[in-house]
Protein backbone atom coordinates (compact mmCIF):
# COMPACT_ATOMS: atom_id res chain seq x y z
CA MET A 1 48.97 52.99 327.35
CA GLU A 2 52.15 52.78 324.97
CA ASN A 3 55.59 54.14 324.68
CA ASN A 4 56.51 54.95 321.12
CA ASP A 5 60.38 54.68 322.34
CA LEU A 6 60.75 51.24 322.87
CA THR A 7 60.80 49.62 319.58
CA ILE A 8 61.58 46.43 318.12
CA PRO A 9 64.83 46.19 315.59
CA ASN A 10 64.11 46.22 312.12
CA ASP A 11 65.47 43.02 311.36
CA SER A 12 63.10 40.80 314.00
CA ILE A 13 59.92 39.23 312.40
CA LEU A 14 58.50 41.04 315.62
CA GLU A 15 59.44 44.51 314.10
CA ASN A 16 55.59 45.56 313.27
CA ALA A 17 54.36 44.43 317.42
CA ARG A 18 53.47 46.80 319.50
CA ILE A 19 55.12 47.44 322.31
CA ILE A 20 52.49 48.29 325.74
CA ALA A 21 52.19 48.70 329.25
CA ARG A 22 51.36 45.93 330.56
CA VAL A 23 50.36 44.70 334.26
CA LEU A 24 51.66 41.90 335.11
CA PRO A 25 49.09 38.24 336.08
CA LEU A 26 51.17 37.10 339.00
CA CYS A 27 52.25 40.61 340.00
CA PRO A 28 49.69 43.29 339.50
CA GLU A 29 51.71 46.08 341.64
CA LEU A 30 54.31 45.85 338.66
CA LYS A 31 53.46 47.29 334.70
CA LEU A 32 56.24 46.49 332.13
CA PHE A 33 56.19 48.05 328.29
CA LEU A 34 56.08 44.28 326.86
CA LEU A 35 54.54 43.19 323.16
CA GLU A 36 51.02 43.28 323.04
CA GLU A 37 49.65 39.37 323.06
CA ASP A 38 48.37 39.49 319.83
CA TYR A 39 52.35 39.51 317.89
CA PRO A 40 52.83 37.78 314.98
CA LYS A 41 52.94 34.24 315.25
CA ASP A 42 52.76 32.57 312.14
CA PRO A 43 55.51 30.46 310.61
CA VAL A 44 58.31 32.59 308.92
CA SER A 45 60.86 31.55 306.50
CA GLU A 46 64.40 30.02 307.20
CA HIS A 47 65.94 33.68 306.87
CA GLU A 48 63.35 35.32 309.08
CA PHE A 49 64.22 33.13 311.59
CA ASN A 50 68.00 33.45 311.87
CA ALA A 51 67.66 37.62 311.52
CA ASN A 52 65.47 37.00 314.92
CA ILE A 53 67.76 34.98 316.68
CA ALA A 54 70.75 37.66 315.81
CA SER A 55 68.64 40.42 317.89
CA PRO A 56 66.14 38.85 319.98
CA PRO A 57 63.78 41.39 321.81
CA TYR A 58 64.13 39.38 325.07
CA TRP A 59 63.72 42.36 326.59
CA ALA A 60 60.03 42.86 325.10
CA PHE A 61 58.73 39.50 327.03
CA CYS A 62 58.41 39.55 331.16
CA TRP A 63 60.09 35.41 330.90
CA ALA A 64 57.88 33.07 333.53
CA SER A 65 60.80 32.65 335.85
CA GLY A 66 61.73 36.30 336.33
CA GLN A 67 58.11 37.08 336.95
CA ALA A 68 58.52 34.38 339.51
CA LEU A 69 61.29 35.83 341.36
CA ALA A 70 59.45 39.34 340.94
CA ARG A 71 56.44 37.55 343.23
CA PHE A 72 58.69 35.97 345.81
CA ILE A 73 60.80 39.46 346.27
CA LEU A 74 57.59 41.27 346.83
CA ASP A 75 56.02 38.24 349.19
CA ASN A 76 59.49 38.31 350.70
CA PRO A 77 60.87 42.27 350.87
CA SER A 78 62.85 41.90 353.93
CA LEU A 79 65.21 39.86 351.84
CA VAL A 80 65.96 42.99 349.78
CA ARG A 81 64.92 45.46 352.07
CA ASP A 82 67.74 48.21 352.72
CA LYS A 83 70.23 46.30 350.34
CA VAL A 84 72.22 46.90 347.59
CA ILE A 85 71.05 44.61 344.58
CA LEU A 86 72.45 43.47 341.53
CA ASP A 87 69.53 42.29 339.13
CA PHE A 88 71.95 39.78 336.44
CA GLY A 89 70.78 39.18 333.10
CA ALA A 90 67.86 41.40 334.19
CA GLY A 91 66.00 41.25 330.31
CA SER A 92 62.49 43.89 331.57
CA GLY A 93 64.17 44.22 334.29
CA VAL A 94 61.14 42.55 336.51
CA ALA A 95 63.02 41.33 339.15
CA GLY A 96 64.98 44.41 339.96
CA ILE A 97 61.75 46.55 339.96
CA ALA A 98 60.08 44.54 342.33
CA ALA A 99 63.34 44.72 344.70
CA ALA A 100 63.13 48.46 344.32
CA LYS A 101 59.13 48.58 345.10
CA ALA A 102 60.37 46.50 348.24
CA ASP A 103 62.29 48.93 349.81
CA ALA A 104 66.01 48.10 348.20
CA LYS A 105 68.72 50.88 349.18
CA LYS A 106 70.16 50.59 345.51
CA VAL A 107 69.38 48.13 342.78
CA VAL A 108 71.73 47.73 339.85
CA ALA A 109 70.35 45.81 336.86
CA CYS A 110 72.87 44.07 334.40
CA ASP A 111 72.32 42.96 330.41
CA VAL A 112 74.42 43.26 327.88
CA ASP A 113 71.37 44.18 325.51
CA PRO A 114 71.71 48.10 325.22
CA ALA A 115 67.76 47.46 324.02
CA ALA A 116 67.37 46.51 326.92
CA ARG A 117 69.09 48.71 329.43
CA LYS A 118 67.12 51.66 327.74
CA ALA A 119 63.32 49.08 328.26
CA ILE A 120 64.66 48.71 332.10
CA ARG A 121 65.17 52.46 332.60
CA ALA A 122 61.64 53.41 330.99
CA ASN A 123 60.28 50.32 333.41
CA ALA A 124 61.54 51.75 336.48
CA LYS A 125 59.96 55.31 335.57
CA LEU A 126 56.93 53.65 334.41
CA ASN A 127 56.92 52.06 338.23
CA GLN A 128 58.05 55.43 339.73
CA VAL A 129 61.57 53.43 341.15
CA GLU A 130 65.32 54.16 340.79
CA VAL A 131 67.16 51.39 338.96
CA GLN A 132 70.56 51.70 337.68
CA THR A 133 71.75 49.87 334.36
CA TRP A 134 74.87 48.31 333.72
CA GLY A 135 76.05 47.05 330.42
CA GLU A 136 78.48 44.44 331.58
CA MET A 137 79.27 42.90 335.26
CA VAL A 138 82.74 44.48 336.48
CA PHE A 139 83.32 44.48 339.95
CA PRO A 140 85.34 47.64 340.62
CA ASN A 141 88.75 47.19 343.08
CA ARG A 142 87.64 47.42 346.47
CA ASP A 143 85.24 45.51 348.94
CA PHE A 144 82.10 43.88 346.82
CA GLU A 145 79.27 46.29 347.08
CA PHE A 146 76.35 43.66 346.42
CA ASP A 147 74.00 42.01 349.39
CA VAL A 148 71.98 40.42 346.83
CA ILE A 149 72.31 39.08 343.63
CA LEU A 150 69.02 38.19 341.49
CA ALA A 151 69.05 36.08 338.21
CA GLY A 152 65.88 34.49 336.16
CA ASP A 153 66.81 32.04 333.66
CA VAL A 154 69.97 32.50 333.27
CA CYS A 155 71.35 29.16 333.98
CA TYR A 156 71.01 27.44 330.75
CA ASP A 157 74.79 29.11 330.49
CA ALA A 158 77.18 26.87 332.62
CA LYS A 159 78.87 30.07 332.88
CA ASN A 160 76.10 31.98 334.74
CA ALA A 161 75.65 29.09 337.18
CA LYS A 162 79.11 28.77 337.78
CA LEU A 163 79.57 32.69 338.13
CA LEU A 164 76.33 32.76 340.26
CA THR A 165 77.81 29.37 342.52
CA THR A 166 80.99 31.62 342.94
CA LEU A 167 79.23 34.66 344.00
CA ALA A 168 76.72 32.86 346.43
CA ASP A 169 80.29 33.01 348.62
CA ASN A 170 79.70 36.58 348.81
CA CYS A 171 76.00 37.77 349.10
CA LEU A 172 72.64 36.34 348.84
CA VAL A 173 72.37 34.66 345.42
CA LEU A 174 67.92 34.21 344.71
CA LEU A 175 67.29 32.34 341.29
CA GLY A 176 64.63 31.85 339.82
CA ASP A 177 64.65 28.98 337.06
CA SER A 178 62.68 25.97 335.03
CA ARG A 179 65.70 24.35 333.00
CA LEU A 180 67.78 23.13 335.33
CA LYS A 181 66.34 21.26 337.95
CA GLU A 182 68.70 20.42 340.41
CA PHE A 183 71.54 22.77 342.04
CA PRO A 184 73.87 21.42 344.96
CA GLU A 185 71.56 21.86 347.67
CA ASP A 186 75.00 22.89 349.68
CA ILE A 187 74.44 25.94 347.67
CA PHE A 188 71.18 26.62 346.58
CA ILE A 189 67.89 25.51 348.57
CA PRO A 190 64.63 25.63 346.51
CA LYS A 191 62.46 28.30 348.76
CA ALA A 192 59.15 28.19 346.26
CA ARG A 193 57.34 27.16 343.41
CA PHE A 194 55.16 28.88 340.66
CA ARG A 195 53.63 28.07 337.85
CA ILE A 196 53.35 31.24 335.39
CA LYS A 197 53.32 31.58 332.10
CA THR A 198 55.69 34.39 330.14
CA VAL A 199 54.00 37.35 328.93
CA PRO A 200 53.27 37.61 326.06
CA ASP A 201 52.96 33.59 325.89
CA ILE A 202 54.73 31.80 323.52
CA PHE A 203 53.49 28.56 323.89
CA GLU A 204 56.46 27.12 325.90
CA ILE A 205 56.23 23.56 326.57
CA GLU A 206 54.34 23.10 329.69
CA GLU A 207 57.58 21.92 332.12
CA TYR A 208 58.82 25.43 331.22
CA ASN A 209 56.04 26.95 333.25
CA HIS A 210 56.77 25.57 336.12
CA ILE A 211 58.93 27.57 338.35
CA VAL A 212 61.42 26.55 341.46
CA ILE A 213 63.04 29.85 342.97
CA TYR A 214 66.41 29.12 344.66
CA GLN A 215 67.90 30.51 347.78
CA SER A 216 71.54 30.58 348.34
CA ALA A 217 72.58 28.82 351.65
CA SER A 218 74.00 31.12 354.73
CA ASN A 219 76.46 28.62 355.43
CA ASN A 220 78.47 29.51 352.35
CA ARG A 221 78.11 33.02 353.12
CA THR A 222 78.84 33.05 356.82
CA GLN A 223 82.33 30.76 356.35
CA HIS A 224 83.23 32.82 353.77
CA ILE A 225 82.83 35.92 356.07
CA GLY A 226 84.49 34.26 358.58
CA ALA A 227 87.83 33.19 356.31
CA GLU A 228 88.12 36.47 355.61
CA LYS A 229 88.93 38.03 359.25
C-alpha cells in the first residue's frame, strides 16, 4: 500500500525512495507510512550530505526509541487510557498513535516539521485513530491540560531533557531513549528495556538498538500538586 501524498523533499538524498505503509516489527498492531527498506544507502558527496542534513525526513523512519515507547504504551494502556496526551517531538507520531489505540481521551502530537505533521495525520488515519498536531509547544494561559507527555529519543538535546524534567512536576512523563544512559532516579525511573532497530534499518551502532523506557517518579507530581493547594 502506497501513499502518494507523502513525499521526500527534493533536496534530500532520499528523494527517489518510496514511502509505503509498513507494519512495525515490535508493534504489529500499528502501521506507518515509512521509507521502503531498499532506500538509497550508497556513499554520497559532501554537497548531497549537507543538503540532507538541512532537511532530514525524520518522519519517514520509525526510530527505535519511538517504537519501543509505543510497545510500552500498548502493553500498559492504563497509563494513557482516558487521559490527555502530548507526543513531544513526535516524528512519525508512533507513540501518540499507540496512545490513541490504547483509548487516550485526546492526543496531541507536536513536531516543528510541517512534513512530519502531515505524516502524523496520514498515519493516524491509517490506524483509524484521531491525533491533533501542533507545530510548537505553547501552553495557553490556563491550567496545564496534559496528563501524560511522551517523548522518544529527544534528550540528545539538553534543552529538551531540562524541559521534560520540569514538566514532570505537572504530569506523568514517559521517555524512550538509547543515547542517554542515566537520568536522575528521583525524577525518572527505568521501567522497561527493549532491543529493536529503527525501521527502515539505518545501521546504527548496536548500543543504540537497546532502548530504556523511563517513567517520571510519582512523588514529584504529588509534591507539586500539594504545593498548589
